[in-house]
Amino acid sequence: MFKWVLAFHIIAVICWFAALFYLPRLFVYHAMSDDKISIERFKIMQRKLYRGIANPSMIATLIFGLWLVSMAPEAYLSQTWFQIKAVLVVALIGYHHMCLGHMKRLATDTSDKTHIYFRIFNEVPVVFLVAIVILVIVQPF
């Protein structure tokens, strides 16, 4: 059973990160657009990506991750690498919700962020991914 839960956890993580990589990229394109048709299209794409992929993937990641921990709590909770990973996941959830805030402001045409800001914002999940994968695979602590 452990391997099945782990497999679904990894699948959910991949889907979540795919959404977190693409959504801010849509923000870049949205911020660069100046025609109404493109702007409206980006609003639809952002909403569908967030609601249809990002949210379900985040929820599945958390459910399968907590399920894994519940199978051997003492093995996970006592490890420093896991504790750091848990903090990073909480921060990643914060980033996920920051995306929601940006999406809402872009949807109402009230965002004051430039495409340059969103290009930098788009790189944040890469840092999370690298750190989390190293913590899980290498377990340096």
Protein backbone atom coordinates (compact mmCIF):
# COMPACT_ATOMS: atom_id res chain seq x y z
CA MET A 1 0.00 0.00 0.00
CA PHE A 2 2.86 2.39 0.80
CA LYS A 3 4.17 2.34 -2.78
CA TRP A 4 0.71 3.11 -4.21
CA VAL A 5 0.25 6.08 -1.91
CA LEU A 6 3.79 7.26 -2.67
CA ALA A 7 3.16 6.97 -6.42
CA PHE A 8 -0.04 9.01 -6.22
CA HIS A 9 1.70 11.57 -3.99
CA ILE A 10 4.47 12.01 -6.57
CA ILE A 11 1.95 12.28 -9.42
CA ALA A 12 0.04 14.96 -7.50
CA VAL A 13 3.26 16.85 -6.74
CA ILE A 14 4.22 16.83 -10.42
CA CYS A 15 0.80 18.13 -11.44
CA TRP A 16 0.87 20.81 -8.74
CA PHE A 17 4.30 22.05 -9.79
CA ALA A 18 3.28 22.01 -13.45
CA ALA A 19 0.43 24.36 -12.57
CA LEU A 20 2.69 26.54 -10.40
CA PHE A 21 5.19 26.82 -13.25
CA TYR A 22 2.59 27.67 -15.89
CA LEU A 23 0.22 29.96 -13.98
CA PRO A 24 2.78 32.73 -13.32
CA ARG A 25 3.90 32.39 -16.95
CA LEU A 26 0.31 33.19 -17.94
CA PHE A 27 0.57 36.22 -15.64
CA VAL A 28 3.63 37.35 -17.64
CA TYR A 29 1.76 37.07 -20.92
CA HIS A 30 -1.31 38.74 -19.43
CA ALA A 31 0.74 41.67 -18.12
CA MET A 32 2.36 42.09 -21.55
CA SER A 33 -0.94 42.03 -23.47
CA ASP A 34 -2.62 45.16 -24.64
CA ASP A 35 -5.55 43.81 -26.65
CA LYS A 36 -8.87 42.97 -25.01
CA ILE A 37 -9.29 39.55 -26.65
CA SER A 38 -5.92 38.27 -25.41
CA ILE A 39 -6.48 39.66 -21.93
CA GLU A 40 -9.87 37.94 -21.66
CA ARG A 41 -8.38 34.68 -22.93
CA PHE A 42 -5.60 34.82 -20.31
CA LYS A 43 -8.18 35.42 -17.57
CA ILE A 44 -10.07 32.27 -18.62
CA MET A 45 -6.88 30.22 -18.91
CA GLN A 46 -5.68 31.34 -15.47
CA ARG A 47 -9.01 30.56 -13.80
CA LYS A 48 -9.28 27.11 -15.40
CA LEU A 49 -5.68 26.22 -14.59
CA TYR A 50 -6.02 27.34 -10.97
CA ARG A 51 -9.38 25.70 -10.29
CA GLY A 52 -9.01 22.65 -12.52
CA ILE A 53 -5.39 21.64 -11.94
CA ALA A 54 -3.58 23.68 -9.27
CA ASN A 55 -6.15 23.38 -6.47
CA PRO A 56 -6.99 19.68 -6.97
CA SER A 57 -3.29 18.83 -7.29
CA MET A 58 -2.38 20.74 -4.15
CA ILE A 59 -5.17 19.03 -2.21
CA ALA A 60 -4.16 15.59 -3.54
CA THR A 61 -0.51 16.29 -2.68
CA LEU A 62 -1.45 17.15 0.89
CA ILE A 63 -3.82 14.18 1.31
CA PHE A 64 -1.35 11.62 -0.03
CA GLY A 65 1.53 13.25 1.85
CA LEU A 66 -0.34 13.15 5.14
CA TRP A 67 -1.37 9.58 4.39
CA LEU A 68 2.31 8.65 3.93
CA VAL A 69 3.23 10.31 7.22
CA SER A 70 0.37 8.51 9.00
CA MET A 71 1.84 5.17 7.91
CA ALA A 72 5.07 5.81 9.85
CA PRO A 73 4.82 9.06 11.82
CA GLU A 74 7.84 8.36 14.01
CA ALA A 75 10.01 7.74 10.93
CA TYR A 76 9.07 11.08 9.37
CA LEU A 77 8.35 13.51 12.18
CA SER A 78 11.65 12.89 13.96
CA GLN A 79 13.76 13.64 10.87
CA THR A 80 15.14 17.13 10.38
CA TRP A 81 14.99 16.86 6.58
CA PHE A 82 11.27 16.11 6.81
CA GLN A 83 10.61 18.99 9.19
CA ILE A 84 12.34 21.41 6.79
CA LYS A 85 10.40 19.91 3.89
CA ALA A 86 7.15 20.44 5.80
CA VAL A 87 8.01 24.12 6.33
CA LEU A 88 8.76 24.47 2.61
CA VAL A 89 5.43 22.85 1.72
CA VAL A 90 3.61 25.32 3.98
CA ALA A 91 5.49 28.17 2.27
CA LEU A 92 4.59 26.68 -1.12
CA ILE A 93 0.93 26.70 -0.10
CA GLY A 94 1.42 30.40 0.66
CA TYR A 95 2.87 30.90 -2.83
CA HIS A 96 -0.11 29.04 -4.27
CA HIS A 97 -2.43 31.48 -2.52
CA MET A 98 -0.32 34.44 -3.67
CA CYS A 99 -1.01 33.20 -7.20
CA LEU A 100 -4.73 33.35 -6.39
CA GLY A 101 -4.36 36.95 -5.26
CA HIS A 102 -2.51 37.91 -8.43
CA MET A 103 -5.07 36.06 -10.53
CA LYS A 104 -7.96 37.92 -8.89
CA ARG A 105 -6.29 41.31 -9.38
CA LEU A 106 -5.54 40.51 -13.02
CA ALA A 107 -9.15 39.34 -13.48
CA THR A 108 -10.46 42.69 -12.22
CA ASP A 109 -7.81 44.70 -14.07
CA THR A 110 -6.47 46.10 -10.79
CA SER A 111 -2.99 44.55 -10.83
CA ASP A 112 -0.11 46.99 -10.75
CA LYS A 113 2.56 44.32 -11.35
CA THR A 114 4.63 44.33 -14.53
CA HIS A 115 5.66 41.38 -16.68
CA ILE A 116 9.14 41.75 -15.18
CA TYR A 117 7.77 41.21 -11.68
CA PHE A 118 5.88 38.14 -12.87
CA ARG A 119 9.00 36.78 -14.61
CA ILE A 120 10.81 36.84 -11.27
CA PHE A 121 7.74 35.56 -9.41
CA ASN A 122 7.62 32.69 -11.91
CA GLU A 123 11.04 31.42 -10.75
CA VAL A 124 10.07 30.97 -7.10
CA PRO A 125 8.58 27.45 -7.46
CA VAL A 126 11.86 26.27 -9.03
CA VAL A 127 13.64 27.07 -5.77
CA PHE A 128 11.01 25.15 -3.80
CA LEU A 129 11.22 22.16 -6.14
CA VAL A 130 15.02 21.95 -5.99
CA ALA A 131 15.09 22.27 -2.22
CA ILE A 132 12.31 19.74 -1.62
CA VAL A 133 13.72 17.13 -3.99
CA ILE A 134 17.19 17.44 -2.44
CA LEU A 135 15.73 17.13 1.06
CA VAL A 136 13.72 14.02 0.15
CA ILE A 137 16.34 12.22 -1.93
CA VAL A 138 19.62 13.22 -0.26
CA GLN A 139 18.22 13.72 3.27
CA PRO A 140 21.20 15.89 4.23
CA PHE A 141 19.97 16.49 7.77
